[in-house]
Each structure stands twice: as C-alpha cells, then as structure tokens.
C-alpha atoms as a PDB file:
ATOM      1  CA  MET A   1       6.889 -95.104 139.888  1.00  0.00           C
ATOM      2  CA  THR A   2       5.442 -95.327 143.410  1.00  0.00           C
ATOM      3  CA  ALA A   3       7.343 -93.822 146.326  1.00  0.00           C
ATOM      4  CA  VAL A   4       8.627 -95.882 149.238  1.00  0.00           C
ATOM      5  CA  ASP A   5       6.267 -95.936 152.219  1.00  0.00           C
ATOM      6  CA  ALA A   6       7.727 -93.616 154.891  1.00  0.00           C
ATOM      7  CA  GLN A   7       6.540 -95.740 157.829  1.00  0.00           C
ATOM      8  CA  GLY A   8       8.024 -98.878 156.314  1.00  0.00           C
ATOM      9  CA  LEU A   9      11.295 -97.063 155.618  1.00  0.00           C
ATOM     10  CA  VAL A  10      11.663 -95.898 159.223  1.00  0.00           C
ATOM     11  CA  LEU A  11      10.887 -99.422 160.442  1.00  0.00           C
ATOM     12  CA  VAL A  12      13.427-101.092 158.155  1.00  0.00           C
ATOM     13  CA  LEU A  13      16.170 -98.509 158.717  1.00  0.00           C
ATOM     14  CA  GLY A  14      15.832 -98.768 162.487  1.00  0.00           C
ATOM     15  CA  ALA A  15      15.702-102.565 162.555  1.00  0.00           C
ATOM     16  CA  SER A  16      18.681-102.788 160.199  1.00  0.00           C
ATOM     17  CA  ALA A  17      20.755-100.530 162.434  1.00  0.00           C
ATOM     18  CA  GLY A  18      19.867-102.665 165.452  1.00  0.00           C
ATOM     19  CA  THR A  19      20.694-105.854 163.554  1.00  0.00           C
ATOM     20  CA  ALA A  20      24.116-104.619 162.427  1.00  0.00           C
ATOM     21  CA  LEU A  21      24.876-103.454 165.971  1.00  0.00           C
ATOM     22  CA  ALA A  22      23.789-106.776 167.487  1.00  0.00           C
ATOM     23  CA  VAL A  23      25.984-108.804 165.108  1.00  0.00           C
ATOM     24  CA  MET A  24      29.012-106.666 165.904  1.00  0.00           C
ATOM     25  CA  LEU A  25      28.468-106.723 169.665  1.00  0.00           C
ATOM     26  CA  VAL A  26      28.177-110.522 169.673  1.00  0.00           C
ATOM     27  CA  THR A  27      31.301-110.711 167.529  1.00  0.00           C
ATOM     28  CA  PHE A  28      33.109-108.350 169.908  1.00  0.00           C
ATOM     29  CA  ALA A  29      32.269-110.618 172.853  1.00  0.00           C
ATOM     30  CA  ILE A  30      33.609-113.648 170.969  1.00  0.00           C
ATOM     31  CA  GLY A  31      36.712-111.811 169.789  1.00  0.00           C
ATOM     32  CA  ARG A  32      37.490-110.576 173.289  1.00  0.00           C
ATOM     33  CA  ALA A  33      37.073-114.060 174.746  1.00  0.00           C
ATOM     34  CA  LYS A  34      39.363-115.570 172.104  1.00  0.00           C
ATOM     35  CA  GLY A  35      41.780-112.655 172.046  1.00  0.00           C
ATOM     36  CA  LEU A  36      41.372-112.637 168.259  1.00  0.00           C
ATOM     37  CA  HIS A  37      39.808-109.601 166.644  1.00  0.00           C
ATOM     38  CA  ARG A  38      40.251-110.872 163.082  1.00  0.00           C
ATOM     39  CA  ILE A  39      36.903-112.649 163.394  1.00  0.00           C
ATOM     40  CA  VAL A  40      35.259-109.280 162.741  1.00  0.00           C
ATOM     41  CA  ASP A  41      36.112-109.874 159.071  1.00  0.00           C
ATOM     42  CA  ILE A  42      33.829-112.925 159.140  1.00  0.00           C
ATOM     43  CA  ALA A  43      31.111-110.877 160.828  1.00  0.00           C
ATOM     44  CA  TRP A  44      31.279-108.296 158.028  1.00  0.00           C
ATOM     45  CA  GLY A  45      29.574-110.615 155.540  1.00  0.00           C
ATOM     46  CA  VAL A  46      27.290-112.115 158.201  1.00  0.00           C
ATOM     47  CA  ALA A  47      26.062-108.648 159.194  1.00  0.00           C
ATOM     48  CA  PHE A  48      25.122-107.781 155.611  1.00  0.00           C
ATOM     49  CA  ALA A  49      23.253-111.065 155.280  1.00  0.00           C
ATOM     50  CA  ALA A  50      21.443-110.479 158.582  1.00  0.00           C
ATOM     51  CA  VAL A  51      20.440-106.926 157.608  1.00  0.00           C
ATOM     52  CA  ALA A  52      19.090-108.198 154.273  1.00  0.00           C
ATOM     53  CA  ALA A  53      17.093-110.976 155.963  1.00  0.00           C
ATOM     54  CA  VAL A  54      15.567-108.593 158.529  1.00  0.00           C
ATOM     55  CA  SER A  55      14.793-106.015 155.832  1.00  0.00           C
ATOM     56  CA  TRP A  56      13.093-108.672 153.715  1.00  0.00           C
ATOM     57  CA  ALA A  57      10.980-109.888 156.645  1.00  0.00           C
ATOM     58  CA  LEU A  58       9.854-106.397 157.641  1.00  0.00           C
ATOM     59  CA  SER A  59       9.119-105.269 154.085  1.00  0.00           C
ATOM     60  CA  SER A  60       6.258-107.730 153.647  1.00  0.00           C
ATOM     61  CA  GLY A  61       3.172-105.738 152.688  1.00  0.00           C
ATOM     62  CA  TYR A  62       5.260-102.795 151.481  1.00  0.00           C
ATOM     63  CA  GLY A  63       7.512-103.963 148.639  1.00  0.00           C
ATOM     64  CA  ASP A  64       6.994-106.003 145.491  1.00  0.00           C
ATOM     65  CA  GLY A  65       7.502-109.683 146.290  1.00  0.00           C
ATOM     66  CA  ALA A  66       9.862-110.523 143.426  1.00  0.00           C
ATOM     67  CA  ARG A  67      12.028-107.433 143.887  1.00  0.00           C
ATOM     68  CA  ARG A  68      12.373-107.755 147.655  1.00  0.00           C
ATOM     69  CA  THR A  69      13.162-111.473 147.466  1.00  0.00           C
ATOM     70  CA  ALA A  70      15.698-111.085 144.639  1.00  0.00           C
ATOM     71  CA  VAL A  71      17.545-108.231 146.345  1.00  0.00           C
ATOM     72  CA  ALA A  72      17.581-109.828 149.802  1.00  0.00           C
ATOM     73  CA  LEU A  73      18.636-113.225 148.455  1.00  0.00           C
ATOM     74  CA  ALA A  74      21.432-111.667 146.384  1.00  0.00           C
ATOM     75  CA  THR A  75      22.780-109.906 149.472  1.00  0.00           C
ATOM     76  CA  VAL A  76      22.555-113.014 151.659  1.00  0.00           C
ATOM     77  CA  VAL A  77      24.358-115.128 149.043  1.00  0.00           C
ATOM     78  CA  TRP A  78      27.140-112.554 148.702  1.00  0.00           C
ATOM     79  CA  GLY A  79      27.520-112.017 152.462  1.00  0.00           C
ATOM     80  CA  LEU A  80      27.539-115.673 153.497  1.00  0.00           C
ATOM     81  CA  ARG A  81      29.913-116.691 150.684  1.00  0.00           C
ATOM     82  CA  LEU A  82      32.340-113.992 151.774  1.00  0.00           C
ATOM     83  CA  ALA A  83      32.041-114.953 155.455  1.00  0.00           C
ATOM     84  CA  LEU A  84      32.662-118.650 154.748  1.00  0.00           C
ATOM     85  CA  HIS A  85      35.634-117.858 152.531  1.00  0.00           C
ATOM     86  CA  ILE A  86      37.264-115.650 155.169  1.00  0.00           C
ATOM     87  CA  ALA A  87      36.566-118.231 157.892  1.00  0.00           C
ATOM     88  CA  ARG A  88      38.245-120.989 155.866  1.00  0.00           C
ATOM     89  CA  ARG A  89      41.174-118.758 154.921  1.00  0.00           C
ATOM     90  CA  GLY A  90      41.850-117.693 158.499  1.00  0.00           C
ATOM     91  CA  ARG A  91      41.492-121.109 160.143  1.00  0.00           C
ATOM     92  CA  GLY A  92      44.518-121.880 162.320  1.00  0.00           C
ATOM     93  CA  HIS A  93      46.063-118.404 161.947  1.00  0.00           C
ATOM     94  CA  GLY A  94      46.713-115.893 164.698  1.00  0.00           C
ATOM     95  CA  GLU A  95      45.746-112.246 164.838  1.00  0.00           C
ATOM     96  CA  ASP A  96      45.599-110.248 161.632  1.00  0.00           C
ATOM     97  CA  PRO A  97      48.645-107.919 161.496  1.00  0.00           C
ATOM     98  CA  ARG A  98      46.347-104.979 160.676  1.00  0.00           C
ATOM     99  CA  TYR A  99      44.495-105.319 163.972  1.00  0.00           C
ATOM    100  CA  ALA A 100      47.676-106.091 165.920  1.00  0.00           C
ATOM    101  CA  ARG A 101      49.260-102.841 164.694  1.00  0.00           C
ATOM    102  CA  MET A 102      46.068-100.894 165.347  1.00  0.00           C
ATOM    103  CA  LEU A 103      45.762-102.099 168.931  1.00  0.00           C
ATOM    104  CA  ALA A 104      49.466-101.543 169.578  1.00  0.00           C
ATOM    105  CA  ARG A 105      48.901 -97.849 168.858  1.00  0.00           C
ATOM    106  CA  ALA A 106      45.816 -97.639 171.091  1.00  0.00           C
ATOM    107  CA  ARG A 107      45.716 -94.997 173.789  1.00  0.00           C
ATOM    108  CA  GLY A 108      43.958 -96.044 176.944  1.00  0.00           C
ATOM    109  CA  ASN A 109      42.064 -99.335 177.203  1.00  0.00           C
ATOM    110  CA  PRO A 110      42.839-101.409 174.060  1.00  0.00           C
ATOM    111  CA  THR A 111      39.606-103.402 174.445  1.00  0.00           C
ATOM    112  CA  LEU A 112      37.425-100.297 174.339  1.00  0.00           C
ATOM    113  CA  TYR A 113      39.554 -98.936 171.520  1.00  0.00           C
ATOM    114  CA  ALA A 114      38.913-102.115 169.518  1.00  0.00           C
ATOM    115  CA  LEU A 115      35.173-101.864 170.251  1.00  0.00           C
ATOM    116  CA  ARG A 116      35.014 -98.296 168.935  1.00  0.00           C
ATOM    117  CA  THR A 117      37.375 -98.381 165.970  1.00  0.00           C
ATOM    118  CA  VAL A 118      36.852-101.943 164.724  1.00  0.00           C
ATOM    119  CA  TYR A 119      33.451-103.320 165.690  1.00  0.00           C
ATOM    120  CA  LEU A 120      31.186-100.285 166.032  1.00  0.00           C
ATOM    121  CA  LEU A 121      32.734 -98.596 163.005  1.00  0.00           C
ATOM    122  CA  GLN A 122      32.185-101.689 160.860  1.00  0.00           C
ATOM    123  CA  GLY A 123      28.618-101.997 162.145  1.00  0.00           C
ATOM    124  CA  ALA A 124      27.926 -98.405 161.081  1.00  0.00           C
ATOM    125  CA  LEU A 125      29.472 -99.074 157.664  1.00  0.00           C
ATOM    126  CA  VAL A 126      27.331-102.191 157.191  1.00  0.00           C
ATOM    127  CA  TRP A 127      24.202-100.140 157.821  1.00  0.00           C
ATOM    128  CA  LEU A 128      25.320 -97.322 155.512  1.00  0.00           C
ATOM    129  CA  VAL A 129      26.540 -99.518 152.649  1.00  0.00           C
ATOM    130  CA  SER A 130      23.409-101.687 152.758  1.00  0.00           C
ATOM    131  CA  LEU A 131      21.047 -98.714 152.268  1.00  0.00           C
ATOM    132  CA  PRO A 132      20.129 -99.803 148.709  1.00  0.00           C
ATOM    133  CA  VAL A 133      19.037-103.199 150.038  1.00  0.00           C
ATOM    134  CA  GLN A 134      16.961-101.621 152.798  1.00  0.00           C
ATOM    135  CA  VAL A 135      15.261 -99.321 150.291  1.00  0.00           C
ATOM    136  CA  ALA A 136      14.898-101.756 147.372  1.00  0.00           C
ATOM    137  CA  VAL A 137      12.906-104.272 149.426  1.00  0.00           C
ATOM    138  CA  LEU A 138      10.319-101.540 150.078  1.00  0.00           C
ATOM    139  CA  LEU A 139       9.777-100.540 146.442  1.00  0.00           C
ATOM    140  CA  PRO A 140       6.232-101.525 145.403  1.00  0.00           C
ATOM    141  CA  ASP A 141       7.009-101.613 141.679  1.00  0.00           C
ATOM    142  CA  PRO A 142       8.076-104.869 139.990  1.00  0.00           C
ATOM    143  CA  LEU A 143      11.599-105.408 138.715  1.00  0.00           C
ATOM    144  CA  ASP A 144      12.352-103.143 135.755  1.00  0.00           C
ATOM    145  CA  GLY A 145      15.204-102.975 133.266  1.00  0.00           C
ATOM    146  CA  VAL A 146      17.459-100.967 135.592  1.00  0.00           C
ATOM    147  CA  ALA A 147      16.958-103.412 138.461  1.00  0.00           C
ATOM    148  CA  ILE A 148      17.618-106.399 136.202  1.00  0.00           C
ATOM    149  CA  LEU A 149      20.813-104.721 134.975  1.00  0.00           C
ATOM    150  CA  GLY A 150      21.767-104.315 138.623  1.00  0.00           C
ATOM    151  CA  LEU A 151      21.285-108.022 139.275  1.00  0.00           C
ATOM    152  CA  VAL A 152      23.405-108.833 136.202  1.00  0.00           C
ATOM    153  CA  LEU A 153      26.179-106.601 137.596  1.00  0.00           C
ATOM    154  CA  TRP A 154      25.782-108.344 140.967  1.00  0.00           C
ATOM    155  CA  ALA A 155      26.215-111.748 139.284  1.00  0.00           C
ATOM    156  CA  CYS A 156      29.336-110.558 137.428  1.00  0.00           C
ATOM    157  CA  GLY A 157      30.722-109.244 140.716  1.00  0.00           C
ATOM    158  CA  VAL A 158      30.127-112.509 142.553  1.00  0.00           C
ATOM    159  CA  PHE A 159      31.793-114.365 139.665  1.00  0.00           C
ATOM    160  CA  PHE A 160      34.884-112.140 139.829  1.00  0.00           C
ATOM    161  CA  GLU A 161      35.109-112.332 143.606  1.00  0.00           C
ATOM    162  CA  ALA A 162      34.508-116.063 143.979  1.00  0.00           C
ATOM    163  CA  THR A 163      36.681-117.023 140.999  1.00  0.00           C
ATOM    164  CA  GLY A 164      39.528-114.790 142.151  1.00  0.00           C
ATOM    165  CA  ASP A 165      39.370-116.199 145.684  1.00  0.00           C
ATOM    166  CA  HIS A 166      39.324-119.769 144.361  1.00  0.00           C
ATOM    167  CA  GLN A 167      42.250-119.184 142.017  1.00  0.00           C
ATOM    168  CA  LEU A 168      44.322-117.592 144.777  1.00  0.00           C
ATOM    169  CA  ALA A 169      43.536-120.380 147.274  1.00  0.00           C
ATOM    170  CA  ARG A 170      44.518-123.044 144.736  1.00  0.00           C
ATOM    171  CA  PHE A 171      47.737-121.150 143.931  1.00  0.00           C
ATOM    172  CA  LYS A 172      48.714-120.889 147.607  1.00  0.00           C
ATOM    173  CA  ALA A 173      47.954-124.569 148.215  1.00  0.00           C
ATOM    174  CA  ASP A 174      50.725-125.604 145.798  1.00  0.00           C
ATOM    175  CA  PRO A 175      54.071-125.716 147.688  1.00  0.00           C
ATOM    176  CA  ALA A 176      55.882-124.920 144.432  1.00  0.00           C
ATOM    177  CA  ASN A 177      54.352-121.420 144.542  1.00  0.00           C
ATOM    178  CA  LYS A 178      55.702-120.494 147.981  1.00  0.00           C
ATOM    179  CA  GLY A 179      57.139-116.982 147.853  1.00  0.00           C
ATOM    180  CA  ARG A 180      55.803-116.328 144.359  1.00  0.00           C
ATOM    181  CA  ILE A 181      53.345-113.611 143.322  1.00  0.00           C
ATOM    182  CA  MET A 182      49.981-114.808 142.048  1.00  0.00           C
ATOM    183  CA  ASP A 183      49.711-113.511 138.474  1.00  0.00           C
ATOM    184  CA  GLN A 184      47.518-116.109 136.807  1.00  0.00           C
ATOM    185  CA  GLY A 185      43.866-116.243 135.733  1.00  0.00           C
ATOM    186  CA  LEU A 186      41.904-113.156 136.743  1.00  0.00           C
ATOM    187  CA  TRP A 187      44.954-112.007 138.718  1.00  0.00           C
ATOM    188  CA  SER A 188      46.740-111.342 135.427  1.00  0.00           C
ATOM    189  CA  TRP A 189      43.994-108.873 134.434  1.00  0.00           C
ATOM    190  CA  THR A 190      43.661-107.029 137.751  1.00  0.00           C
ATOM    191  CA  ARG A 191      45.676-107.117 140.964  1.00  0.00           C
ATOM    192  CA  HIS A 192      42.409-107.241 142.930  1.00  0.00           C
ATOM    193  CA  PRO A 193      39.711-109.359 141.245  1.00  0.00           C
ATOM    194  CA  ASN A 194      37.999-109.939 144.592  1.00  0.00           C
ATOM    195  CA  TYR A 195      37.788-106.221 145.403  1.00  0.00           C
ATOM    196  CA  PHE A 196      36.661-105.440 141.862  1.00  0.00           C
ATOM    197  CA  GLY A 197      33.958-108.079 142.353  1.00  0.00           C
ATOM    198  CA  ASP A 198      32.751-106.305 145.506  1.00  0.00           C
ATOM    199  CA  PHE A 199      32.716-103.059 143.539  1.00  0.00           C
ATOM    200  CA  LEU A 200      30.381-104.577 140.929  1.00  0.00           C
ATOM    201  CA  VAL A 201      28.185-106.218 143.576  1.00  0.00           C
ATOM    202  CA  TRP A 202      27.405-102.964 145.352  1.00  0.00           C
ATOM    203  CA  TRP A 203      26.936-100.834 142.256  1.00  0.00           C
ATOM    204  CA  GLY A 204      24.609-103.587 141.047  1.00  0.00           C
ATOM    205  CA  LEU A 205      22.600-103.630 144.276  1.00  0.00           C
ATOM    206  CA  TYR A 206      22.448 -99.842 144.113  1.00  0.00           C
ATOM    207  CA  LEU A 207      20.729-100.057 140.721  1.00  0.00           C
ATOM    208  CA  THR A 208      17.994-102.260 142.225  1.00  0.00           C
ATOM    209  CA  ALA A 209      17.016 -99.291 144.423  1.00  0.00           C
ATOM    210  CA  CYS A 210      16.919 -96.745 141.569  1.00  0.00           C
ATOM    211  CA  ALA A 211      13.217 -96.944 140.801  1.00  0.00           C
ATOM    212  CA  THR A 212      12.775 -93.203 141.471  1.00  0.00           C
ATOM    213  CA  TRP A 213      15.165 -90.277 141.541  1.00  0.00           C
ATOM    214  CA  GLN A 214      14.496 -89.938 145.275  1.00  0.00           C
ATOM    215  CA  THR A 215      15.581 -93.511 146.068  1.00  0.00           C
ATOM    216  CA  ALA A 216      18.527 -93.206 143.685  1.00  0.00           C
ATOM    217  CA  ALA A 217      19.707 -90.059 145.488  1.00  0.00           C
ATOM    218  CA  LEU A 218      19.053 -91.485 148.958  1.00  0.00           C
ATOM    219  CA  THR A 219      21.139 -94.615 148.370  1.00  0.00           C
ATOM    220  CA  LEU A 220      23.961 -93.252 146.180  1.00  0.00           C
ATOM    221  CA  VAL A 221      26.191 -92.872 149.235  1.00  0.00           C
ATOM    222  CA  SER A 222      26.346 -96.678 149.528  1.00  0.00           C
ATOM    223  CA  PRO A 223      28.327 -97.619 146.393  1.00  0.00           C
ATOM    224  CA  ILE A 224      30.443 -94.465 146.722  1.00  0.00           C
ATOM    225  CA  VAL A 225      31.485 -95.380 150.279  1.00  0.00           C
ATOM    226  CA  MET A 226      32.111 -99.013 149.335  1.00  0.00           C
ATOM    227  CA  SER A 227      34.181 -97.962 146.319  1.00  0.00           C
ATOM    228  CA  GLY A 228      36.223 -95.640 148.517  1.00  0.00           C
ATOM    229  CA  LEU A 229      36.870 -98.395 151.045  1.00  0.00           C
ATOM    230  CA  LEU A 230      37.904-100.871 148.354  1.00  0.00           C
ATOM    231  CA  ILE A 231      40.198 -98.556 146.412  1.00  0.00           C
ATOM    232  CA  PHE A 232      41.484 -95.994 148.916  1.00  0.00           C
ATOM    233  CA  GLY A 233      40.667 -97.428 152.347  1.00  0.00           C
ATOM    234  CA  SER A 234      41.115-100.811 153.987  1.00  0.00           C
ATOM    235  CA  GLY A 235      41.125-102.776 150.709  1.00  0.00           C
ATOM    236  CA  LYS A 236      43.521-102.203 147.824  1.00  0.00           C
ATOM    237  CA  ARG A 237      45.717 -99.544 149.446  1.00  0.00           C
ATOM    238  CA  LEU A 238      46.490-101.444 152.653  1.00  0.00           C
ATOM    239  CA  LEU A 239      47.091-104.729 150.855  1.00  0.00           C
ATOM    240  CA  GLU A 240      49.465-103.161 148.347  1.00  0.00           C
ATOM    241  CA  ASN A 241      51.405-101.418 151.115  1.00  0.00           C
ATOM    242  CA  HIS A 242      51.814-104.830 152.743  1.00  0.00           C
ATOM    243  CA  MET A 243      52.877-106.503 149.472  1.00  0.00           C
ATOM    244  CA  ALA A 244      55.182-103.743 148.232  1.00  0.00           C
ATOM    245  CA  GLN A 245      58.412-105.360 149.458  1.00  0.00           C
ATOM    246  CA  ARG A 246      57.644-108.836 148.149  1.00  0.00           C
ATOM    247  CA  PRO A 247      60.094-110.019 145.461  1.00  0.00           C
ATOM    248  CA  GLY A 248      58.531-109.648 142.014  1.00  0.00           C
ATOM    249  CA  TYR A 249      55.660-107.426 143.142  1.00  0.00           C
ATOM    250  CA  ALA A 250      57.028-104.270 141.507  1.00  0.00           C
ATOM    251  CA  GLU A 251      57.169-106.067 138.154  1.00  0.00           C
ATOM    252  CA  TYR A 252      53.668-107.442 138.702  1.00  0.00           C
ATOM    253  CA  ARG A 253      52.388-103.909 139.337  1.00  0.00           C
ATOM    254  CA  GLU A 254      53.969-102.683 136.128  1.00  0.00           C
ATOM    255  CA  ARG A 255      52.179-105.171 133.908  1.00  0.00           C
ATOM    256  CA  THR A 256      48.842-105.615 135.737  1.00  0.00           C
ATOM    257  CA  SER A 257      45.944-103.196 136.198  1.00  0.00           C
ATOM    258  CA  GLY A 258      45.526-101.856 139.703  1.00  0.00           C
ATOM    259  CA  PHE A 259      41.767-102.337 139.813  1.00  0.00           C
ATOM    260  CA  PHE A 260      39.677-102.337 136.628  1.00  0.00           C
ATOM    261  CA  PRO A 261      40.455-105.448 134.541  1.00  0.00           C
ATOM    262  CA  ARG A 262      42.391-105.164 131.304  1.00  0.00           C
ATOM    263  CA  PRO A 263      44.809-107.431 129.414  1.00  0.00           C
ATOM    264  CA  PRO A 264      48.271-107.488 131.034  1.00  0.00           C
ATOM    265  CA  ARG A 265      50.931-105.244 129.576  1.00  0.00           C
ATOM    266  CA  ARG A 266      53.828-106.880 127.839  1.00  0.00           C
ATOM    267  CA  PRO A 267      57.055-106.614 129.835  1.00  0.00           C
ATOM    268  CA  ALA A 268      59.370-103.918 128.647  1.00  0.00           C
ATOM    269  CA  THR A 269      62.289-105.199 126.591  1.00  0.00           C
ATOM    270  CA  THR A 270      65.750-103.755 126.626  1.00  0.00           C
ATOM    271  CA  PRO A 271      66.940-102.984 123.104  1.00  0.00           C
ATOM    272  CA  ARG A 272      70.074-104.764 122.035  1.00  0.00           C
ATOM    273  CA  ALA A 273      73.204-102.696 121.990  1.00  0.00           C
ATOM    274  CA  ALA A 274      74.113-101.532 118.521  1.00  0.00           C
ATOM    275  CA  ARG A 275      76.917-103.506 116.929  1.00  0.00           C
ATOM    276  CA  ARG A 276      80.171-101.767 116.484  1.00  0.00           C
END
C-alpha cells in the first residue's frame, strides 16, 4: 500500500476547510436576511457535497482515478439527496423549534451567537466528518475489497435513509394519519431508519480510506463523531425528547428498536384473571 502524498493532503485539507466555511458563511447571510436559521440544515448536505467535489478536483494526479471518483460521487449523491429532502420537507414552515429555543437562550447578540454555535460549528463538523473522503481521494491504490465493502455499506445506508424518508413523507401526507405515530415499513424495525442510514453511510465512507493503518487511524474520528451526533447529540436524542409526550409514542418505544434494526417486539399481553 502506498502512502498518501503529504503535499496533496495539506492542499486538500486546507481547501476543504475553506469550502465548508464558505458554504456556511453564505448560508448565514441568507438565513440572517430571511430571519430563518433552519436553512442551515439544507446547507449541511450541500457542504459535504461541495467538500467532496473540491477534494476530487484537487486530488487529480495524486489519487487513483476510480477510487477518487467513486468516493466523491458517493458523497455528492448522499449530500445533495439529503439537502433536497430537507428543503422539500421544510417548504412553507417557519423557524425550527430547536433553533428558536437556542437563540432565545442566547446571551449578547443573538445573530453572532447563531453564527458561532450554529453555522461555524456545523462547518467545522463537516470538515471533520468528511476526513475519510478527503483522504480516500488521495490514495494512489485502486479500489480493494475493504473499499468495495465500504461502498456496499454506503449503498445500504442511502437505501435506509431514502426509503425511511419516503415512507414517512407518504405517511404524513395522508390526512387519516394526523396525530398518529409512524410505525410502518422500516419504522417498525427502528425508530430512526434515516439516522441509521447516515450511520452506515459514514462507516462505509470511512472504509474507503482504510488502505493503510495510517489512513485508517487518521480518519477514524469521522465515523465516531458522526455516530455520536446521530445517537447522543442532535439526532436521535433530541428528536425523542421532542416526541416523548406524543400519544402512543411510549408504546412505540417499547416495541421498536431505538437505533439498530430488528423485528418489532410483540406487545405485552395481560394474562386473563383466573376463574373462581
């Protein structure tokens, strides 16, 4: 296995940081003008796609053509699909309650607070989480079995995420389901098929960068951070706190896995009273 070129790595890491920052600053300007900071959720996927595209362009002459194209294209597909989904879902809605609560607690200038804690923080996370992409495009070796396994995991993740999002959107579009908890399709196997899909996507992309032990160690922080965000951070935990008081949600939690898919549990039955 050939090591990543140090000069190319510095170039890609620096350009990726600048790209993530630029996307978030432009988004901040738009969000401030509209008074709507929820658009940063759209920029999340766009920033990953932009970082992948810049990394691919700058890795020419350093990385293997098939590997760099496959990894960059996979990231762009994932990022743009997510951005379009969030844009469609949020059309016509006001501010996200998460950001409204966050800004209500702000000390000092709420605009600067939003810039620091929403936009710049997410830009830094985009750069950190996308490390496997930035490294994989520089690997000079062709795709191997580990990288192909990573792309298979990526495909499974996109399937889970896109299918879960589609099933939920179709469920919500039916007026008969108003006030009900979605517990059908993939949502009967896990309470968060979309977050589980993200989990698979980023562990899969991590594997594409594991051509050497050095690149595997350098990029391991990426899937660990993403997993932490999805399970303990702004993903599963916050959503479940928001849903906790919904009628029927406690029963749904009892029978459905919290993250990793498994068949739903059968509801507990109350034994009949013994005859006297």
